[in-house]
Each structure stands twice: as structure tokens, then as C-alpha cells.
Amino acid sequence: MRIIFMGTPEFAVPTLAALAGYGHEIAAVYTQPPRPAGRRGLEVVKSPVHQQSEILGFPVHTPESLKDEGEQQQFRDLDADVAVVVAYGQLLPPAILEGTRLGCYNGHASLLPRWRGAAPIQRAIMAGDNETGVMVMKMDEGLDTGPVAMEERVAIAQDMTAGELHDKLMIIGGDLMQRAMAALERDSLTLSPQPEESVTYAAKISKGETRIDFSADAAAVHNHIRGLSPFPGAWCEMPLGGRAERVKILRSTLTAGEGATGTLLDDGLTVACGSGAVRLLRLQKAGGKALNADEFLRGHALAVGTALS
């Protein structure tokens, strides 16, 4: 088929590659415009989808908005059979949703209607879900509300981080979408409406919710840490070198232990929570590299009873 692909981050790249690899014609790729990057924002960087599209030789469009009538006409003029959307980063107006012969199909990283919205991978882990997946959905004007065509389920292991789940789902998502497009081409793709119950929303992660609250129970603390790893990273303050420093916690595990909330229970970075305890396994100081716990402790002596705020 003749496909318009719309996506921006690394998560979308395997789907673009899968569609091209199975012989579909990529009429154009839409992605977010290049943005300033780096600590000083001096370098303007193209999105991962933009970079991959240039390697593969696909024409790239980077409109700031698709609400402009001229942009909408340009989209229609591509005369595509279908648009495939994976983490594009813009809501699509009706003129775009209806701008191809067969509509727009979205690859979404959750088991809809659970976790509609911007951060389904992080929210699933933070909520302690045991299972998630990828779904191919025909898009409508709502937020991830369209009928579902295909799904692939994935178990979430107890210590799995958002980064690990992201990498697993993006590969599964590419394969699932190419299977869905093959079925659509054969006119054998079946659509089922989403159930109206069990709807939850995966709001974008805000900076204000990244600080660790050790007064919560250990499972909630552990889920918070792994759900925000590696980015943006859950953090606490530790007394290092005579002053409190912010440290990201990138990996943890549940363990036994009781004590004053937020204090170290041993010399292995076991921290008491509101109930139970977590062991911190990988840490990163601001401006430093990520270190395993034993490496971190070689540079920072932290006594039993030390309070983490």
C-alpha cells in the first residue's frame, strides 16, 4: 500500500522500518520539527524518525501544526491509502484523519482503554500493572478512543523498568503494525469498539512527581523508581560530602526490612519505607554517570541510619 508514516521518537522507528521492509510504499514521513538539545540547547537535533527517514530516502515533512488548510491539502495530495501513526506528538484534525483512502491507524503502547494518553508505559509500571501490550487502533477525534484492530500482550516483570519495557514494546509494535497493514490490504482487518468501562488516562510525567516519597509502602516506591527509569528519573537527596545532593535512582528491588522511614538499614543501600524496604541498585548524581550500588558506595560512605530526604 501507499502509506504516510507519522511518528517522532525512537519508539516509532521499528514500525517505520517494518512497513518499508515489507514492501509498502512510504509516500512521506511526518515528524516533529528539529528541536534544540543538549544542556545549553545550542544544537538543533532532528527526531529519531527524521534521521531514519533520511537514511532510508523518504521525503520528510515537519509542520509545526496540521491545522493549516495548506498543510491539510498537501497531506491529501499525497494520495495515500492509509496513514500509520506512532507517537507523532500532535493531535490530528478531522481533515487529516479523513485525508487518506482508509483512514489513520495508531500503534499505542497499552491495553486500551487502560492508559489512554501520553505516558502509557511509565504509568503502567508506576501503577504496578502486571501486564501491558501494544494495540493497533483506527483513530477518531478522541484521545485514543477509536476501535481496536489487533493487540499483543506483554507481561511486566517485578523489577522491569520503563526503559526495558519501552524497548520490548517498540519491537513488538513494529511487527504488529505490519501484520495489521497486511490484513488491511487484504480487506480482512476486523475492528472492535473499546469497552466503556476500565478507562484510565496516562498523563504526561511532570517534574513535580519525580521526587521519591519513602513514606509510601515499599511496592509503591519501587514502582515509582522503575516507572521513571531511565527518564526523567526518580530522585531523592543524599548527604554527600557534607551537603545534600540530588541523586537519581535508576534501579531498585523489594527487600525485607523495617526502620525509620527514609533511613538506611544496612551498608548496602537498603532504605526503610512506610512499610517494607527497597534496596537501591543503580544511582546517578547530577552531572555524573550511572553507577551500580557497589561502585557508588566506593566513592561515598553512607552509614547505617543515614536519612535520605
Protein backbone atom coordinates (compact mmCIF):
# COMPACT_ATOMS: atom_id res chain seq x y z
CA MET A 1 0.00 0.00 0.00
CA ARG A 2 0.92 3.65 -0.26
CA ILE A 3 1.45 4.82 3.32
CA ILE A 4 2.03 8.13 5.07
CA PHE A 5 4.01 7.48 8.26
CA MET A 6 3.68 9.85 11.23
CA GLY A 7 5.98 9.44 14.24
CA THR A 8 8.75 11.15 16.16
CA PRO A 9 10.70 9.28 18.91
CA GLU A 10 12.85 6.15 18.87
CA PHE A 11 9.77 4.10 19.77
CA ALA A 12 8.33 4.74 16.29
CA VAL A 13 11.44 3.80 14.27
CA PRO A 14 10.94 -0.02 14.22
CA THR A 15 7.41 0.43 12.86
CA LEU A 16 8.64 2.63 10.02
CA ALA A 17 11.39 0.12 9.24
CA ALA A 18 8.94 -2.82 9.35
CA LEU A 19 6.49 -1.18 6.94
CA ALA A 20 9.25 -0.30 4.49
CA GLY A 21 10.82 -3.74 4.85
CA TYR A 22 7.61 -5.48 3.90
CA GLY A 23 7.39 -3.60 0.64
CA HIS A 24 4.89 -0.85 1.35
CA GLU A 25 5.50 2.46 -0.41
CA ILE A 26 6.24 5.25 2.06
CA ALA A 27 4.75 8.30 0.36
CA ALA A 28 6.03 10.69 3.05
CA VAL A 29 7.06 10.80 6.69
CA TYR A 30 5.65 13.38 9.09
CA THR A 31 7.60 14.09 12.27
CA GLN A 32 8.10 16.89 14.77
CA PRO A 33 10.43 19.71 13.70
CA PRO A 34 14.08 19.68 14.81
CA ARG A 35 14.42 20.98 18.38
CA PRO A 36 17.24 22.48 20.47
CA ALA A 37 19.02 19.80 22.51
CA GLY A 38 21.86 19.47 24.97
CA ARG A 39 22.35 21.22 28.30
CA ARG A 40 22.67 24.64 26.67
CA GLY A 41 20.23 23.99 23.85
CA LEU A 42 22.75 25.18 21.28
CA GLU A 43 22.43 22.23 18.92
CA VAL A 44 19.29 21.68 16.85
CA VAL A 45 18.59 17.93 16.56
CA LYS A 46 16.32 16.05 14.18
CA SER A 47 13.98 13.45 15.66
CA PRO A 48 14.96 9.74 15.52
CA VAL A 49 12.23 9.16 12.91
CA HIS A 50 13.55 12.10 10.85
CA GLN A 51 17.09 10.71 10.94
CA GLN A 52 15.96 7.20 9.99
CA SER A 53 13.80 8.56 7.16
CA GLU A 54 16.76 10.37 5.64
CA ILE A 55 18.82 7.16 5.78
CA LEU A 56 16.03 5.29 4.00
CA GLY A 57 15.49 8.09 1.50
CA PHE A 58 11.90 9.02 2.41
CA PRO A 59 10.59 12.58 1.98
CA VAL A 60 10.14 14.24 5.39
CA HIS A 61 7.60 16.89 6.46
CA THR A 62 7.96 18.74 9.76
CA PRO A 63 4.97 21.09 10.14
CA GLU A 64 4.52 22.88 13.45
CA SER A 65 0.78 22.32 13.09
CA LEU A 66 -1.61 20.37 10.87
CA LYS A 67 -4.48 22.81 11.38
CA ASP A 68 -3.44 24.94 8.40
CA GLU A 69 -5.56 24.31 5.30
CA GLY A 70 -2.49 24.36 3.09
CA GLU A 71 -0.85 21.59 5.15
CA GLN A 72 -4.05 19.56 5.04
CA GLN A 73 -4.27 19.88 1.26
CA GLN A 74 -0.62 18.84 0.91
CA PHE A 75 -1.44 15.76 3.03
CA ARG A 76 -4.41 14.86 0.80
CA ASP A 77 -2.37 15.45 -2.36
CA LEU A 78 -0.07 12.59 -1.33
CA ASP A 79 -2.95 10.32 -2.40
CA ALA A 80 -2.13 7.67 0.23
CA ASP A 81 -4.10 4.55 1.03
CA VAL A 82 -3.57 4.90 4.78
CA ALA A 83 -1.65 6.84 7.44
CA VAL A 84 0.20 4.99 10.20
CA VAL A 85 0.76 6.97 13.41
CA VAL A 86 3.13 6.04 16.25
CA ALA A 87 3.89 8.63 18.95
CA TYR A 88 3.71 11.52 16.49
CA GLY A 89 3.19 14.20 19.13
CA GLN A 90 0.25 16.15 17.67
CA LEU A 91 -3.49 15.65 17.76
CA LEU A 92 -4.76 15.05 14.23
CA PRO A 93 -7.62 17.28 12.99
CA PRO A 94 -10.55 15.69 11.12
CA ALA A 95 -9.15 16.74 7.74
CA ILE A 96 -6.05 14.63 8.40
CA LEU A 97 -7.97 11.69 9.89
CA GLU A 98 -10.02 11.62 6.69
CA GLY A 99 -7.17 12.55 4.36
CA THR A 100 -6.38 9.04 3.12
CA ARG A 101 -8.50 6.36 1.47
CA LEU A 102 -8.60 4.06 4.52
CA GLY A 103 -8.01 6.44 7.41
CA CYS A 104 -5.35 6.63 10.13
CA TYR A 105 -4.13 3.71 12.25
CA ASN A 106 -2.26 4.21 15.51
CA GLY A 107 0.17 1.92 17.35
CA HIS A 108 -0.43 2.55 21.08
CA ALA A 109 1.63 1.08 23.93
CA SER A 110 -1.12 -0.07 26.30
CA LEU A 111 -4.11 -2.39 26.56
CA LEU A 112 -6.81 0.11 25.72
CA PRO A 113 -8.95 1.55 27.20
CA ARG A 114 -6.41 1.39 30.05
CA TRP A 115 -3.79 4.13 29.84
CA ARG A 116 -5.00 6.35 27.06
CA GLY A 117 -2.71 9.32 26.58
CA ALA A 118 0.91 10.41 26.56
CA ALA A 119 2.79 8.16 29.02
CA PRO A 120 1.23 4.68 28.97
CA ILE A 121 4.47 2.74 29.55
CA GLN A 122 5.51 4.74 32.62
CA ARG A 123 2.01 4.83 34.10
CA ALA A 124 1.51 1.08 33.76
CA ILE A 125 4.66 0.38 35.77
CA MET A 126 4.03 3.13 38.31
CA ALA A 127 0.58 1.64 38.94
CA GLY A 128 2.06 -1.82 39.50
CA ASP A 129 0.37 -3.40 36.48
CA ASN A 130 1.42 -6.98 35.76
CA GLU A 131 0.60 -6.82 32.06
CA THR A 132 0.52 -4.35 29.21
CA GLY A 133 0.89 -4.53 25.45
CA VAL A 134 0.58 -2.81 22.09
CA MET A 135 -2.66 -2.21 20.22
CA VAL A 136 -3.36 -1.12 16.67
CA MET A 137 -6.34 1.22 16.67
CA LYS A 138 -8.21 3.11 13.95
CA MET A 139 -8.05 6.74 15.00
CA ASP A 140 -11.01 9.03 15.57
CA GLU A 141 -11.22 12.55 17.03
CA GLY A 142 -10.98 11.37 20.67
CA LEU A 143 -7.85 10.71 22.71
CA ASP A 144 -7.02 7.05 21.91
CA THR A 145 -10.75 6.22 21.77
CA GLY A 146 -11.01 4.54 18.35
CA PRO A 147 -11.86 0.90 17.65
CA VAL A 148 -9.09 -1.67 18.13
CA ALA A 149 -7.90 -3.96 15.34
CA MET A 150 -5.08 -6.07 16.81
CA GLU A 151 -3.18 -6.48 20.08
CA GLU A 152 -0.09 -8.15 21.51
CA ARG A 153 0.17 -8.64 25.28
CA VAL A 154 3.37 -8.47 27.37
CA ALA A 155 4.00 -9.43 30.99
CA ILE A 156 5.64 -6.78 33.20
CA ALA A 157 8.26 -8.42 35.43
CA GLN A 158 8.56 -7.22 39.04
CA ASP A 159 11.83 -5.34 38.50
CA MET A 160 11.34 -4.28 34.85
CA THR A 161 11.99 -0.60 34.21
CA ALA A 162 10.11 1.69 31.85
CA GLY A 163 13.17 1.75 29.59
CA GLU A 164 13.26 -2.03 29.32
CA LEU A 165 9.54 -2.25 28.65
CA HIS A 166 9.80 0.56 26.07
CA ASP A 167 12.48 -1.33 24.13
CA LYS A 168 10.45 -4.54 24.17
CA LEU A 169 7.20 -2.92 23.11
CA MET A 170 8.69 -0.91 20.25
CA ILE A 171 9.89 -4.08 18.52
CA ILE A 172 6.58 -5.84 19.10
CA GLY A 173 4.76 -2.73 17.87
CA GLY A 174 6.60 -2.71 14.54
CA ASP A 175 5.74 -6.34 13.85
CA LEU A 176 2.11 -5.88 14.95
CA MET A 177 1.57 -2.87 12.71
CA GLN A 178 2.94 -4.54 9.61
CA ARG A 179 0.64 -7.51 10.26
CA ALA A 180 -2.29 -5.14 10.67
CA MET A 181 -1.46 -3.35 7.43
CA ALA A 182 -1.18 -6.68 5.59
CA ALA A 183 -4.66 -7.57 6.85
CA LEU A 184 -5.98 -4.15 5.89
CA GLU A 185 -4.59 -4.59 2.39
CA ARG A 186 -6.47 -7.93 2.15
CA ASP A 187 -9.62 -6.23 3.49
CA SER A 188 -9.61 -8.69 6.42
CA LEU A 189 -8.83 -6.34 9.32
CA THR A 190 -11.58 -6.52 11.95
CA LEU A 191 -12.31 -3.54 14.22
CA SER A 192 -13.84 -3.83 17.70
CA PRO A 193 -15.04 -0.86 19.80
CA GLN A 194 -13.24 -0.26 23.06
CA PRO A 195 -15.22 -1.15 26.21
CA GLU A 196 -16.60 1.85 28.05
CA GLU A 197 -15.52 0.59 31.47
CA SER A 198 -11.94 0.48 32.85
CA VAL A 199 -10.85 3.71 31.14
CA THR A 200 -7.71 5.27 32.64
CA TYR A 201 -5.55 8.13 31.42
CA ALA A 202 -1.76 8.23 31.22
CA ALA A 203 -0.97 11.88 31.84
CA LYS A 204 2.41 13.22 30.78
CA ILE A 205 5.02 12.84 33.52
CA SER A 206 5.62 16.14 35.34
CA LYS A 207 8.79 17.18 37.14
CA GLY A 208 6.77 17.66 40.31
CA GLU A 209 6.09 13.93 40.68
CA THR A 210 9.63 12.64 40.24
CA ARG A 211 10.78 13.02 43.86
CA ILE A 212 10.68 9.76 45.82
CA ASP A 213 8.38 9.61 48.83
CA PHE A 214 9.81 6.95 51.14
CA SER A 215 6.78 7.24 53.44
CA ALA A 216 4.81 5.23 50.85
CA ASP A 217 4.86 1.45 51.07
CA ALA A 218 7.86 -0.30 49.52
CA ALA A 219 5.97 -1.59 46.47
CA ALA A 220 4.80 1.93 45.57
CA VAL A 221 8.33 3.33 46.00
CA HIS A 222 9.80 0.55 43.85
CA ASN A 223 7.18 1.04 41.13
CA HIS A 224 7.80 4.79 41.17
CA ILE A 225 11.54 4.29 40.71
CA ARG A 226 11.33 1.76 37.89
CA GLY A 227 8.44 3.56 36.18
CA LEU A 228 10.58 6.70 35.81
CA SER A 229 13.81 4.92 34.78
CA PRO A 230 15.79 5.94 32.86
CA PHE A 231 13.95 9.17 32.11
CA PRO A 232 13.16 11.52 33.72
CA GLY A 233 14.43 9.54 36.74
CA ALA A 234 13.04 9.36 40.26
CA TRP A 235 15.27 11.09 42.81
CA CYS A 236 15.98 11.77 46.44
CA GLU A 237 18.55 13.84 48.32
CA MET A 238 21.55 12.21 49.99
CA PRO A 239 24.11 13.77 52.35
CA LEU A 240 27.27 13.55 50.24
CA GLY A 241 30.45 15.42 51.02
CA GLY A 242 28.83 17.41 53.80
CA ARG A 243 25.86 18.66 51.79
CA ALA A 244 22.59 17.32 50.41
CA GLU A 245 22.85 16.31 46.77
CA ARG A 246 20.14 15.18 44.39
CA VAL A 247 20.65 11.59 43.23
CA LYS A 248 18.57 9.76 40.64
CA ILE A 249 17.66 6.18 41.49
CA LEU A 250 17.56 4.17 38.27
CA ARG A 251 17.04 0.67 39.61
CA SER A 252 15.77 -0.88 42.85
CA THR A 253 14.30 -4.09 44.18
CA LEU A 254 11.97 -5.02 47.02
CA THR A 255 13.51 -6.48 50.17
CA ALA A 256 12.72 -7.12 53.82
CA GLY A 257 13.43 -4.52 56.49
CA GLU A 258 11.92 -2.10 58.98
CA GLY A 259 13.09 1.16 60.46
CA ALA A 260 12.64 4.91 60.47
CA THR A 261 11.18 5.99 57.13
CA GLY A 262 13.79 7.02 54.59
CA THR A 263 16.81 5.78 56.57
CA LEU A 264 19.49 3.33 55.51
CA LEU A 265 19.10 -0.05 57.23
CA ASP A 266 22.46 -1.52 56.24
CA ASP A 267 25.65 -0.76 54.29
CA GLY A 268 24.09 -1.98 51.03
CA LEU A 269 21.68 0.92 50.40
CA THR A 270 18.57 -0.73 51.82
CA VAL A 271 16.08 2.03 52.63
CA ALA A 272 13.13 1.76 55.02
CA CYS A 273 9.78 2.77 53.55
CA GLY A 274 6.39 3.42 55.11
CA SER A 275 6.09 -0.35 55.19
CA GLY A 276 8.80 -2.72 53.97
CA ALA A 277 12.03 -1.63 52.31
CA VAL A 278 13.72 -1.22 48.95
CA ARG A 279 17.34 -1.81 48.01
CA LEU A 280 18.82 0.81 45.68
CA LEU A 281 20.77 -0.89 42.90
CA ARG A 282 21.76 1.84 40.41
CA LEU A 283 22.25 5.54 41.08
CA GLN A 284 23.32 8.70 39.27
CA LYS A 285 24.46 12.01 40.72
CA ALA A 286 23.62 15.20 38.85
CA GLY A 287 26.12 15.56 36.04
CA GLY A 288 27.65 12.16 36.74
CA LYS A 289 27.39 8.75 35.14
CA ALA A 290 25.09 5.98 36.30
CA LEU A 291 26.75 3.62 38.79
CA ASN A 292 25.83 0.30 40.35
CA ALA A 293 25.38 0.46 44.13
CA ASP A 294 28.80 -1.03 44.96
CA GLU A 295 30.55 1.47 42.67
CA PHE A 296 28.57 4.35 44.15
CA LEU A 297 29.41 3.32 47.73
CA ARG A 298 33.14 3.14 46.97
CA GLY A 299 33.03 6.89 46.39
CA HIS A 300 30.51 7.80 49.08
CA ALA A 301 30.50 6.38 52.59
CA LEU A 302 26.93 6.27 53.90
CA ALA A 303 26.47 5.00 57.45
CA VAL A 304 23.59 2.88 58.69
CA GLY A 305 20.87 5.24 59.88
CA THR A 306 21.65 7.96 57.31
CA ALA A 307 18.42 9.74 56.34
CA LEU A 308 17.52 10.24 52.68
CA SER A 309 15.14 13.13 52.13
